[in-house]
């Protein structure tokens, strides 16, 4: 099997091959793409965001150094394409990654893009600049980067402590735009400036987000749209009715449940609807440093109590995936095989036996039919979180845990769990790329901002480093499976299921691709056009 390095070298020589021939008919210029947005993001700064509620509306404002091909649904090392970088290359020891940058690119305010902007962006992410991000959920991605250096205005080098082939994958994520040096992090929250196909117009909290075409975009002829407008509608049923009535051209991506998809198709039979895995796991988070969940027996009991198939059947009519931390195959490149998964406690098929074992653990911890554990189950106030939280509360009753639903608005949810200001939570963990480094370091490394459970196992963290340095995918994959299995056995963040969700658009919307193993990476919209 070709190594990641070989694939990266091939990708460095490739060019973006999208053309009008790949789309349905000849693209037309003009028109506003109208969509609804599922909720109101806290701000407009992607670097500070921990939800794709920010990526979807604002990814089109920016460019990355490199990006996953926006016309290939499954992200992988061989779908990496140049963006602000024209090419990249590794040093012989695989510890220096150098990018040759595109010349003649302008920021939306007319200032030139240079290597200084790249250095500023990553110094900001690594916490090395005087200016600071208010939240920095992906700082752990760059823990192996010593420094970013410039060589003239159009070359930049990432100097690594050790080989890390997955750095390319993380740089291509929709969460990794390049920011301008001359705009402060505070201003990027309220009026983001990018180099991308669309320029920011306005963001009215709880109302709307508007973007307009960048007439000076460095990709000549793009974008096709005159702009994109998002109307914020938090009630999913209301939003879908508006889509069916023709008020919106497209639904919020990967937001439609399987039952609702059937409703849409019955009322708007000409609409195109696709269902894809989202690379978002629904999981339990516990504050493991505070009573009562500092008791490992209680955490293990909760994991044993889960009837994962019931979640999938109720919420997705069977169209969901059961797995560990990594997205299950075939869409996921790193997920455990089913036979290995079922050896993990709680994943076995005998739910009654699992729950009997769970009740024994709860009794060992001092709970039982006459002394039940009362807890608040915190979750974000959108349907994707609330619905499984209700099922979780029902299932926990079988092991003497009485849960009370505690819903939290989006703007407060991520700061709340990052502060560990909760007891027990139903959470969704979106992986920005389908790569173990992103998932392991961000969600499970000691001290990471997105390690919401305070889980810390230094021995397993050493294994993170071992798999991270492996350049052969065939050798790396079993190492990843071993780590994933240990994380589930440690009850680090019990994974309930991996969601599948639908996206719909009316026939006049052309050129849409929905990513199948990392939905966070496909919202540039520069090739989308309207055939009206």
Protein backbone atom coordinates (compact mmCIF):
# COMPACT_ATOMS: atom_id res chain seq x y z
CA UNK A 1 0.00 0.00 0.00
CA UNK A 2 1.23 3.49 -0.80
CA UNK A 3 2.33 5.52 2.20
CA UNK A 4 0.70 8.78 3.25
CA UNK A 5 3.90 10.53 2.18
CA UNK A 6 3.65 9.11 -1.32
CA UNK A 7 0.00 10.09 -1.57
CA UNK A 8 0.81 13.58 -0.32
CA UNK A 9 3.57 13.94 -2.87
CA UNK A 10 1.15 12.97 -5.63
CA UNK A 11 -1.45 15.40 -4.31
CA UNK A 12 1.13 18.18 -4.28
CA UNK A 13 1.51 17.80 -8.02
CA UNK A 14 -2.19 17.70 -8.72
CA UNK A 15 -4.38 20.63 -9.67
CA UNK A 16 -8.00 21.39 -9.00
CA UNK A 17 -9.78 19.68 -11.85
CA UNK A 18 -13.30 20.99 -11.38
CA UNK A 19 -14.71 22.28 -14.63
CA UNK A 20 -18.05 23.01 -16.13
CA UNK A 21 -17.92 19.58 -17.74
CA UNK A 22 -18.16 17.92 -14.33
CA UNK A 23 -21.38 19.69 -13.45
CA UNK A 24 -24.90 19.13 -14.70
CA UNK A 25 -24.99 21.39 -17.73
CA UNK A 26 -23.34 24.75 -18.32
CA UNK A 27 -23.16 26.82 -15.11
CA UNK A 28 -25.10 30.04 -15.01
CA UNK A 29 -23.89 33.17 -13.30
CA UNK A 30 -26.01 34.90 -10.69
CA UNK A 31 -28.71 34.28 -8.14
CA UNK A 32 -28.81 34.07 -4.35
CA UNK A 33 -28.69 30.63 -2.72
CA UNK A 34 -31.26 30.67 0.08
CA UNK A 35 -30.92 28.27 2.98
CA UNK A 36 -32.11 28.03 6.55
CA UNK A 37 -29.69 27.70 9.44
CA UNK A 38 -30.47 25.34 12.30
CA UNK A 39 -29.39 27.74 15.08
CA UNK A 40 -27.49 30.94 15.82
CA UNK A 41 -23.72 30.43 16.14
CA UNK A 42 -21.94 32.27 18.95
CA UNK A 43 -19.87 34.31 16.47
CA UNK A 44 -18.37 34.21 12.98
CA UNK A 45 -14.85 33.01 13.84
CA UNK A 46 -14.19 29.51 12.52
CA UNK A 47 -10.89 29.22 14.42
CA UNK A 48 -12.78 29.68 17.68
CA UNK A 49 -15.72 27.47 16.75
CA UNK A 50 -16.48 23.99 18.02
CA UNK A 51 -19.53 23.38 15.85
CA UNK A 52 -20.20 23.19 12.14
CA UNK A 53 -22.93 25.75 12.70
CA UNK A 54 -19.99 28.11 12.09
CA UNK A 55 -18.36 26.17 9.23
CA UNK A 56 -21.43 25.99 7.04
CA UNK A 57 -22.09 29.73 6.67
CA UNK A 58 -18.51 30.99 6.92
CA UNK A 59 -16.28 28.43 5.18
CA UNK A 60 -16.95 30.16 1.87
CA UNK A 61 -15.43 33.38 3.21
CA UNK A 62 -12.01 31.75 3.46
CA UNK A 63 -9.33 29.67 1.84
CA UNK A 64 -7.00 27.09 3.39
CA UNK A 65 -3.44 26.27 2.43
CA UNK A 66 -4.88 23.10 0.90
CA UNK A 67 -8.36 21.62 0.78
CA UNK A 68 -10.14 18.36 0.13
CA UNK A 69 -11.50 18.12 -3.40
CA UNK A 70 -15.00 19.59 -3.14
CA UNK A 71 -16.34 17.23 -5.81
CA UNK A 72 -15.29 13.92 -4.18
CA UNK A 73 -17.54 12.85 -1.31
CA UNK A 74 -15.04 10.76 0.64
CA UNK A 75 -12.08 12.69 2.02
CA UNK A 76 -8.80 10.77 1.89
CA UNK A 77 -5.08 11.58 1.51
CA UNK A 78 -5.30 11.34 -2.27
CA UNK A 79 -8.12 13.91 -2.54
CA UNK A 80 -6.00 16.77 -1.12
CA UNK A 81 -5.77 19.73 -3.49
CA UNK A 82 -3.81 23.03 -3.49
CA UNK A 83 -5.66 26.13 -2.33
CA UNK A 84 -3.66 29.16 -1.10
CA UNK A 85 -0.62 26.94 -1.47
CA UNK A 86 0.38 26.07 -5.03
CA UNK A 87 2.40 23.04 -3.90
CA UNK A 88 3.98 21.43 -0.86
CA UNK A 89 6.90 19.14 -0.12
CA UNK A 90 8.40 17.22 2.81
CA UNK A 91 12.03 17.21 3.87
CA UNK A 92 13.96 13.92 3.70
CA UNK A 93 13.43 13.31 7.44
CA UNK A 94 9.69 14.15 7.14
CA UNK A 95 9.99 16.83 9.82
CA UNK A 96 9.70 19.93 7.65
CA UNK A 97 6.66 20.68 5.51
CA UNK A 98 7.17 23.55 3.06
CA UNK A 99 4.44 25.32 1.09
CA UNK A 100 4.94 27.46 -2.01
CA UNK A 101 2.20 30.08 -1.83
CA UNK A 102 -0.04 31.50 -4.51
CA UNK A 103 0.82 35.04 -5.62
CA UNK A 104 -1.59 37.84 -6.48
CA UNK A 105 -4.26 36.82 -3.92
CA UNK A 106 -6.06 39.69 -2.15
CA UNK A 107 -7.94 39.81 1.12
CA UNK A 108 -11.51 41.06 0.86
CA UNK A 109 -10.38 44.49 2.04
CA UNK A 110 -7.84 44.71 -0.80
CA UNK A 111 -4.66 43.99 1.15
CA UNK A 112 -2.26 41.37 -0.32
CA UNK A 113 -2.05 37.83 1.04
CA UNK A 114 1.50 36.78 2.01
CA UNK A 115 3.37 34.19 4.04
CA UNK A 116 3.08 36.49 7.08
CA UNK A 117 -0.66 35.76 7.19
CA UNK A 118 -0.01 32.02 7.33
CA UNK A 119 2.50 32.43 10.14
CA UNK A 120 0.14 34.74 12.06
CA UNK A 121 -2.73 32.26 11.72
CA UNK A 122 -0.79 29.31 13.08
CA UNK A 123 1.00 31.29 15.77
CA UNK A 124 -2.48 32.27 16.89
CA UNK A 125 -3.63 28.63 16.90
CA UNK A 126 -0.51 27.48 18.75
CA UNK A 127 -0.91 30.21 21.39
CA UNK A 128 2.37 31.89 20.42
CA UNK A 129 1.10 35.31 19.37
CA UNK A 130 0.39 38.33 21.55
CA UNK A 131 -3.21 38.29 20.40
CA UNK A 132 -5.26 35.38 21.73
CA UNK A 133 -8.29 33.42 20.65
CA UNK A 134 -11.11 33.51 23.17
CA UNK A 135 -11.57 29.78 22.56
CA UNK A 136 -9.00 27.54 20.88
CA UNK A 137 -10.57 24.07 20.56
CA UNK A 138 -8.00 22.78 18.05
CA UNK A 139 -4.76 23.91 19.65
CA UNK A 140 -3.93 20.22 20.23
CA UNK A 141 -3.73 19.70 16.45
CA UNK A 142 -0.45 21.60 16.35
CA UNK A 143 1.28 20.25 19.45
CA UNK A 144 3.99 18.65 17.29
CA UNK A 145 4.79 21.88 15.41
CA UNK A 146 7.87 23.67 16.77
CA UNK A 147 7.36 26.79 14.72
CA UNK A 148 6.15 28.18 11.42
CA UNK A 149 8.76 30.17 9.50
CA UNK A 150 8.61 32.29 6.38
CA UNK A 151 11.09 32.44 3.50
CA UNK A 152 10.15 35.55 1.59
CA UNK A 153 6.54 36.55 0.94
CA UNK A 154 5.45 33.34 -0.76
CA UNK A 155 6.98 30.39 1.08
CA UNK A 156 6.26 29.03 4.54
CA UNK A 157 7.64 26.01 6.44
CA UNK A 158 6.15 24.01 9.32
CA UNK A 159 8.98 22.68 11.47
CA UNK A 160 7.87 19.52 13.33
CA UNK A 161 9.21 17.85 16.47
CA UNK A 162 8.64 14.48 14.80
CA UNK A 163 7.03 13.13 11.63
CA UNK A 164 3.27 13.65 11.52
CA UNK A 165 1.82 12.81 8.09
CA UNK A 166 -1.72 13.65 9.21
CA UNK A 167 -0.80 17.34 9.51
CA UNK A 168 -1.83 17.69 5.86
CA UNK A 169 -5.29 16.30 6.64
CA UNK A 170 -5.80 18.79 9.45
CA UNK A 171 -4.61 21.71 7.33
CA UNK A 172 -7.23 20.73 4.73
CA UNK A 173 -10.10 20.76 7.23
CA UNK A 174 -12.86 23.31 6.96
CA UNK A 175 -11.78 24.30 10.47
CA UNK A 176 -8.37 25.53 9.25
CA UNK A 177 -8.82 28.72 7.25
CA UNK A 178 -5.97 31.21 6.95
CA UNK A 179 -6.72 34.47 8.77
CA UNK A 180 -5.32 37.93 7.88
CA UNK A 181 -2.52 39.31 10.05
CA UNK A 182 -3.97 42.81 9.97
CA UNK A 183 -7.40 41.92 11.44
CA UNK A 184 -7.76 41.21 15.16
CA UNK A 185 -9.35 38.00 16.52
CA UNK A 186 -12.09 40.17 18.04
CA UNK A 187 -12.95 41.68 14.65
CA UNK A 188 -12.96 38.24 13.04
CA UNK A 189 -15.78 37.27 15.39
CA UNK A 190 -18.03 40.05 14.11
CA UNK A 191 -16.80 40.89 10.60
CA UNK A 192 -14.57 38.14 9.17
CA UNK A 193 -12.20 39.06 6.33
CA UNK A 194 -11.03 36.25 4.06
CA UNK A 195 -9.70 35.52 0.59
CA UNK A 196 -12.54 33.16 -0.34
CA UNK A 197 -15.28 33.16 -2.98
CA UNK A 198 -17.77 35.02 -0.77
CA UNK A 199 -17.49 38.20 1.27
CA UNK A 200 -19.17 38.68 4.62
CA UNK A 201 -22.09 41.13 4.62
CA UNK A 202 -23.86 40.75 7.96
CA UNK A 203 -24.71 38.42 10.83
CA UNK A 204 -27.83 39.22 12.83
CA UNK A 205 -27.93 36.86 15.80
CA UNK A 206 -31.05 34.64 15.80
CA UNK A 207 -32.12 36.17 12.47
CA UNK A 208 -29.85 35.79 9.45
CA UNK A 209 -26.37 35.55 7.90
CA UNK A 210 -25.60 37.07 4.49
CA UNK A 211 -22.64 36.66 2.13
CA UNK A 212 -22.03 38.27 -1.26
CA UNK A 213 -19.94 37.25 -4.25
CA UNK A 214 -16.26 38.20 -4.16
CA UNK A 215 -15.80 39.81 -7.61
CA UNK A 216 -12.00 39.67 -7.22
CA UNK A 217 -11.74 36.00 -6.28
CA UNK A 218 -8.44 34.57 -7.43
CA UNK A 219 -10.18 31.62 -9.11
CA UNK A 220 -11.38 33.29 -12.28
CA UNK A 221 -15.04 32.79 -13.08
CA UNK A 222 -15.94 31.65 -9.56
CA UNK A 223 -18.15 31.71 -7.63
CA UNK A 224 -21.22 31.34 -9.81
CA UNK A 225 -23.63 32.62 -7.17
CA UNK A 226 -24.20 36.31 -6.42
CA UNK A 227 -24.50 35.46 -2.76
CA UNK A 228 -25.79 33.15 -0.03
CA UNK A 229 -28.43 34.02 2.56
CA UNK A 230 -29.16 31.95 5.66
CA UNK A 231 -32.32 32.48 7.67
CA UNK A 232 -31.98 31.20 11.24
CA UNK A 233 -34.89 28.87 12.10
CA UNK A 234 -34.35 26.71 15.15
CA UNK A 235 -37.50 24.64 14.75
CA UNK A 236 -36.63 21.90 12.25
CA UNK A 237 -40.26 21.18 11.27
CA UNK A 238 -40.90 24.85 10.54
CA UNK A 239 -37.72 25.07 8.46
CA UNK A 240 -38.61 21.98 6.44
CA UNK A 241 -42.11 23.27 5.70
CA UNK A 242 -40.51 26.45 4.37
CA UNK A 243 -38.17 24.39 2.17
CA UNK A 244 -41.07 22.34 0.77
CA UNK A 245 -42.96 25.58 0.08
CA UNK A 246 -40.02 26.83 -2.00
CA UNK A 247 -38.85 29.56 0.37
CA UNK A 248 -35.42 27.92 0.55
CA UNK A 249 -33.35 26.35 -2.20
CA UNK A 250 -31.59 23.91 0.11
CA UNK A 251 -31.91 22.53 3.61
CA UNK A 252 -29.26 22.99 6.26
CA UNK A 253 -26.71 20.28 5.30
CA UNK A 254 -26.93 16.92 7.10
CA UNK A 255 -29.81 18.11 9.24
CA UNK A 256 -32.71 15.97 8.01
CA UNK A 257 -33.67 12.80 9.87
CA UNK A 258 -34.76 9.71 7.95
CA UNK A 259 -38.47 10.07 8.90
CA UNK A 260 -38.45 13.76 7.92
CA UNK A 261 -36.70 12.90 4.66
CA UNK A 262 -39.70 10.76 3.72
CA UNK A 263 -42.00 13.69 4.44
CA UNK A 264 -39.95 15.96 2.20
CA UNK A 265 -39.94 13.47 -0.67
CA UNK A 266 -43.69 13.00 -0.40
CA UNK A 267 -44.33 16.75 -0.55
CA UNK A 268 -41.49 17.76 -2.87
CA UNK A 269 -40.91 14.64 -5.02
CA UNK A 270 -38.56 16.48 -7.41
CA UNK A 271 -36.14 17.44 -4.66
CA UNK A 272 -32.76 15.73 -4.58
CA UNK A 273 -32.08 14.20 -1.17
CA UNK A 274 -28.97 12.32 -0.08
CA UNK A 275 -28.20 10.54 3.20
CA UNK A 276 -24.59 10.34 4.35
CA UNK A 277 -22.64 9.60 7.53
CA UNK A 278 -21.69 12.88 9.16
CA UNK A 279 -18.55 11.78 11.06
CA UNK A 280 -20.37 12.96 14.16
CA UNK A 281 -20.63 10.57 17.09
CA UNK A 282 -23.36 10.88 19.69
CA UNK A 283 -21.79 10.12 23.06
CA UNK A 284 -21.97 10.45 26.81
CA UNK A 285 -19.71 12.94 28.54
CA UNK A 286 -19.18 12.80 32.29
CA UNK A 287 -17.30 15.07 34.63
CA UNK A 288 -14.99 12.30 35.78
CA UNK A 289 -13.19 14.42 38.37
CA UNK A 290 -16.33 15.13 40.42
CA UNK A 291 -18.61 12.84 42.43
CA UNK A 292 -20.42 10.66 41.63
CA UNK A 293 -18.83 10.11 38.21
CA UNK A 294 -15.31 9.98 39.57
CA UNK A 295 -16.34 6.39 40.38
CA UNK A 296 -15.31 4.18 37.45
CA UNK A 297 -17.97 1.60 38.36
CA UNK A 298 -20.76 4.12 37.70
CA UNK A 299 -19.22 5.14 34.38
CA UNK A 300 -18.88 1.49 33.32
CA UNK A 301 -22.45 0.80 34.38
CA UNK A 302 -23.71 3.59 32.11
CA UNK A 303 -21.77 2.20 29.16
CA UNK A 304 -23.18 -1.28 29.80
CA UNK A 305 -26.75 0.08 29.99
CA UNK A 306 -26.76 1.37 26.43
CA UNK A 307 -28.98 -0.29 23.85
CA UNK A 308 -27.28 1.28 20.84
CA UNK A 309 -29.47 -0.44 18.29
CA UNK A 310 -32.57 1.08 19.90
CA UNK A 311 -31.14 4.59 19.41
CA UNK A 312 -30.44 3.87 15.75
CA UNK A 313 -33.83 2.26 15.15
CA UNK A 314 -35.79 5.07 16.84
CA UNK A 315 -33.88 8.04 15.47
CA UNK A 316 -32.76 6.76 12.05
CA UNK A 317 -35.05 3.83 11.21
CA UNK A 318 -31.95 1.64 11.32
CA UNK A 319 -29.84 3.91 9.09
CA UNK A 320 -27.11 4.77 11.60
CA UNK A 321 -23.80 3.18 12.48
CA UNK A 322 -22.53 1.62 15.69
CA UNK A 323 -18.82 2.04 16.33
CA UNK A 324 -16.09 3.37 18.55
CA UNK A 325 -14.37 6.72 18.38
CA UNK A 326 -13.53 6.52 14.68
CA UNK A 327 -16.21 6.54 11.96
CA UNK A 328 -17.15 2.92 11.07
CA UNK A 329 -16.28 1.52 7.62
CA UNK A 330 -16.85 1.59 4.72
CA UNK A 331 -17.23 5.38 4.70
CA UNK A 332 -14.81 5.69 7.59
CA UNK A 333 -11.19 4.85 6.78
CA UNK A 334 -10.15 4.07 10.39
CA UNK A 335 -13.10 2.46 12.19
CA UNK A 336 -12.83 -0.90 13.98
CA UNK A 337 -14.09 -4.05 12.25
CA UNK A 338 -17.38 -5.32 13.68
CA UNK A 339 -15.91 -8.50 15.18
CA UNK A 340 -13.37 -6.49 17.18
CA UNK A 341 -15.98 -3.94 18.24
CA UNK A 342 -18.23 -6.61 19.72
CA UNK A 343 -15.49 -7.80 22.10
CA UNK A 344 -15.78 -4.50 24.00
CA UNK A 345 -17.99 -4.56 27.16
CA UNK A 346 -21.38 -3.05 26.34
CA UNK A 347 -21.15 -3.69 22.61
CA UNK A 348 -22.27 -7.32 22.90
CA UNK A 349 -25.71 -8.19 21.58
CA UNK A 350 -27.20 -9.46 24.90
CA UNK A 351 -28.58 -6.18 26.29
CA UNK A 352 -30.28 -7.87 29.27
CA UNK A 353 -27.00 -9.48 30.37
CA UNK A 354 -25.18 -6.16 29.95
CA UNK A 355 -27.73 -4.34 32.10
CA UNK A 356 -27.68 -7.00 34.79
CA UNK A 357 -23.93 -6.49 35.05
CA UNK A 358 -24.51 -2.72 35.11
CA UNK A 359 -26.95 -3.02 38.03
CA UNK A 360 -24.38 -5.00 40.00
CA UNK A 361 -21.83 -2.23 39.47
CA UNK A 362 -24.36 0.38 40.60
CA UNK A 363 -25.13 -1.66 43.74
CA UNK A 364 -21.40 -1.91 44.43
CA UNK A 365 -21.32 1.91 44.27
CA UNK A 366 -24.16 2.13 46.81
CA UNK A 367 -27.21 2.52 44.58
CA UNK A 368 -30.21 0.31 43.95
CA UNK A 369 -34.04 0.16 43.69
CA UNK A 370 -34.40 2.02 47.00
CA UNK A 371 -31.55 4.48 46.46
CA UNK A 372 -31.51 5.84 42.98
CA UNK A 373 -28.99 8.30 41.57
CA UNK A 374 -30.58 11.61 40.50
CA UNK A 375 -28.63 13.58 37.89
CA UNK A 376 -29.11 16.39 35.41
CA UNK A 377 -28.42 15.34 31.83
CA UNK A 378 -27.17 18.48 30.10
CA UNK A 379 -27.41 18.83 26.34
CA UNK A 380 -27.48 21.46 23.61
CA UNK A 381 -30.85 22.90 22.70
CA UNK A 382 -31.18 21.55 19.17
CA UNK A 383 -33.02 18.44 18.04
CA UNK A 384 -29.90 16.42 17.17
CA UNK A 385 -28.93 16.61 20.87
CA UNK A 386 -32.31 16.68 22.63
CA UNK A 387 -33.83 13.64 20.92
CA UNK A 388 -31.09 11.13 21.86
CA UNK A 389 -30.84 12.70 25.34
CA UNK A 390 -34.46 11.73 25.99
CA UNK A 391 -33.73 8.12 24.95
CA UNK A 392 -30.60 8.07 27.12
CA UNK A 393 -32.57 9.20 30.18
CA UNK A 394 -35.08 6.42 29.56
CA UNK A 395 -32.37 3.76 29.26
CA UNK A 396 -30.50 4.91 32.37
CA UNK A 397 -33.66 4.28 34.44
CA UNK A 398 -32.98 0.56 34.02
CA UNK A 399 -29.84 0.88 36.18
CA UNK A 400 -31.17 3.10 38.99
CA UNK A 401 -30.22 6.46 37.43
CA UNK A 402 -32.95 9.08 37.19
CA UNK A 403 -32.04 11.80 34.72
CA UNK A 404 -33.53 15.28 34.34
CA UNK A 405 -33.07 16.99 30.98
CA UNK A 406 -31.10 20.25 31.15
CA UNK A 407 -31.09 22.07 27.78
CA UNK A 408 -28.44 24.71 27.03
CA UNK A 409 -28.42 27.24 24.19
CA UNK A 410 -25.71 26.88 21.54
CA UNK A 411 -23.81 30.03 22.51
CA UNK A 412 -23.41 28.67 26.06
CA UNK A 413 -23.05 24.94 25.39
CA UNK A 414 -19.40 24.64 24.36
CA UNK A 415 -18.07 27.10 26.96
CA UNK A 416 -20.10 25.25 29.62
CA UNK A 417 -18.70 21.80 28.87
CA UNK A 418 -15.18 23.17 28.33
CA UNK A 419 -15.37 24.59 31.88
CA UNK A 420 -16.54 21.13 33.08
CA UNK A 421 -19.63 22.89 34.45
CA UNK A 422 -21.88 19.82 34.22
CA UNK A 423 -22.37 16.37 35.78
CA UNK A 424 -23.52 14.22 32.88
CA UNK A 425 -24.10 15.22 29.29
CA UNK A 426 -25.39 13.94 25.98
CA UNK A 427 -22.93 15.32 23.46
CA UNK A 428 -22.22 15.20 19.74
CA UNK A 429 -18.55 15.08 18.77
CA UNK A 430 -17.94 16.17 15.21
CA UNK A 431 -14.61 15.09 13.76
CA UNK A 432 -13.31 17.74 11.42
CA UNK A 433 -11.39 15.18 9.37
CA UNK A 434 -11.48 11.41 9.24
CA UNK A 435 -8.06 11.00 10.81
CA UNK A 436 -7.05 9.52 14.19
CA UNK A 437 -4.72 12.39 15.12
CA UNK A 438 -7.54 14.89 14.97
CA UNK A 439 -9.87 12.73 17.05
CA UNK A 440 -7.42 11.34 19.61
CA UNK A 441 -5.45 14.48 20.44
CA UNK A 442 -8.41 16.85 20.34
CA UNK A 443 -10.88 14.79 22.37
CA UNK A 444 -8.78 12.52 24.61
CA UNK A 445 -5.35 14.11 25.19
CA UNK A 446 -4.69 15.32 28.72
CA UNK A 447 -5.33 19.07 28.89
CA UNK A 448 -6.97 19.52 25.47
CA UNK A 449 -9.69 22.19 25.49
CA UNK A 450 -12.13 19.77 23.84
CA UNK A 451 -11.39 16.97 26.30
CA UNK A 452 -14.69 17.70 28.04
CA UNK A 453 -14.53 14.73 30.44
CA UNK A 454 -11.08 15.35 32.01
CA UNK A 455 -10.05 11.90 30.78
CA UNK A 456 -6.27 11.52 31.06
CA UNK A 457 -4.29 8.33 30.45
CA UNK A 458 -0.62 9.05 29.76
CA UNK A 459 0.06 5.46 28.66
CA UNK A 460 -2.61 5.61 25.96
CA UNK A 461 -1.40 9.07 24.99
CA UNK A 462 2.01 7.54 24.24
CA UNK A 463 0.22 5.21 21.83
CA UNK A 464 -1.32 8.27 20.14
CA UNK A 465 2.24 9.32 19.25
CA UNK A 466 3.18 5.84 17.98
CA UNK A 467 0.29 5.65 15.48
CA UNK A 468 0.74 9.29 14.52
CA UNK A 469 4.28 8.73 13.23
CA UNK A 470 3.44 5.63 11.18
CA UNK A 471 3.63 6.54 7.51
CA UNK A 472 2.14 3.29 6.15
CA UNK A 473 -1.66 3.33 6.34
CA UNK A 474 -1.82 -0.49 6.40
CA UNK A 475 0.39 -0.59 9.50
CA UNK A 476 -1.20 2.43 11.13
CA UNK A 477 -4.78 1.14 10.98
CA UNK A 478 -4.36 -1.78 13.50
CA UNK A 479 -2.59 0.59 15.90
CA UNK A 480 -5.59 2.91 15.68
CA UNK A 481 -8.00 0.02 16.35
CA UNK A 482 -6.07 -0.96 19.49
CA UNK A 483 -6.26 2.60 20.83
CA UNK A 484 -9.94 2.96 20.00
CA UNK A 485 -10.70 -0.29 21.83
CA UNK A 486 -8.81 0.91 24.93
CA UNK A 487 -10.69 4.23 24.92
CA UNK A 488 -14.03 2.40 24.94
CA UNK A 489 -12.90 0.00 27.66
CA UNK A 490 -11.72 2.99 29.74
CA UNK A 491 -15.19 4.58 29.34
CA UNK A 492 -13.40 7.75 28.25
CA UNK A 493 -16.42 9.07 26.34
CA UNK A 494 -18.89 6.24 25.65
CA UNK A 495 -19.90 6.33 21.98
CA UNK A 496 -23.59 5.60 21.45
CA UNK A 497 -23.81 5.78 17.65
CA UNK A 498 -22.54 7.55 14.54
CA UNK A 499 -25.27 9.55 12.82
CA UNK A 500 -26.43 9.51 9.25
CA UNK A 501 -28.44 12.47 8.08
CA UNK A 502 -30.02 13.89 4.97
CA UNK A 503 -29.60 17.00 2.87
CA UNK A 504 -32.12 18.11 0.25
CA UNK A 505 -32.12 20.70 -2.51
CA UNK A 506 -34.52 21.68 -5.25
CA UNK A 507 -33.79 20.68 -8.89
CA UNK A 508 -32.58 24.15 -9.88
CA UNK A 509 -29.61 23.88 -7.48
CA UNK A 510 -26.62 22.38 -9.27
CA UNK A 511 -23.09 21.31 -8.35
CA UNK A 512 -23.70 20.20 -4.74
CA UNK A 513 -21.49 17.50 -3.19
CA UNK A 514 -22.16 16.30 0.37
CA UNK A 515 -19.07 14.87 2.08
CA UNK A 516 -19.55 11.32 3.33
CA UNK A 517 -16.88 11.05 6.01
CA UNK A 518 -16.39 14.61 7.18
CA UNK A 519 -19.21 16.99 6.45
CA UNK A 520 -17.22 19.87 7.96
CA UNK A 521 -15.05 20.10 4.85
CA UNK A 522 -17.55 20.74 2.07
CA UNK A 523 -19.22 24.14 2.40
CA UNK A 524 -17.21 26.35 0.03
CA UNK A 525 -20.14 26.55 -2.47
CA UNK A 526 -17.91 28.18 -5.08
CA UNK A 527 -19.05 25.74 -7.81
CA UNK A 528 -22.74 25.72 -6.90
CA UNK A 529 -25.06 27.44 -9.34
CA UNK A 530 -28.77 28.01 -9.89
CA UNK A 531 -30.53 26.89 -13.06
CA UNK A 532 -33.55 29.18 -12.95
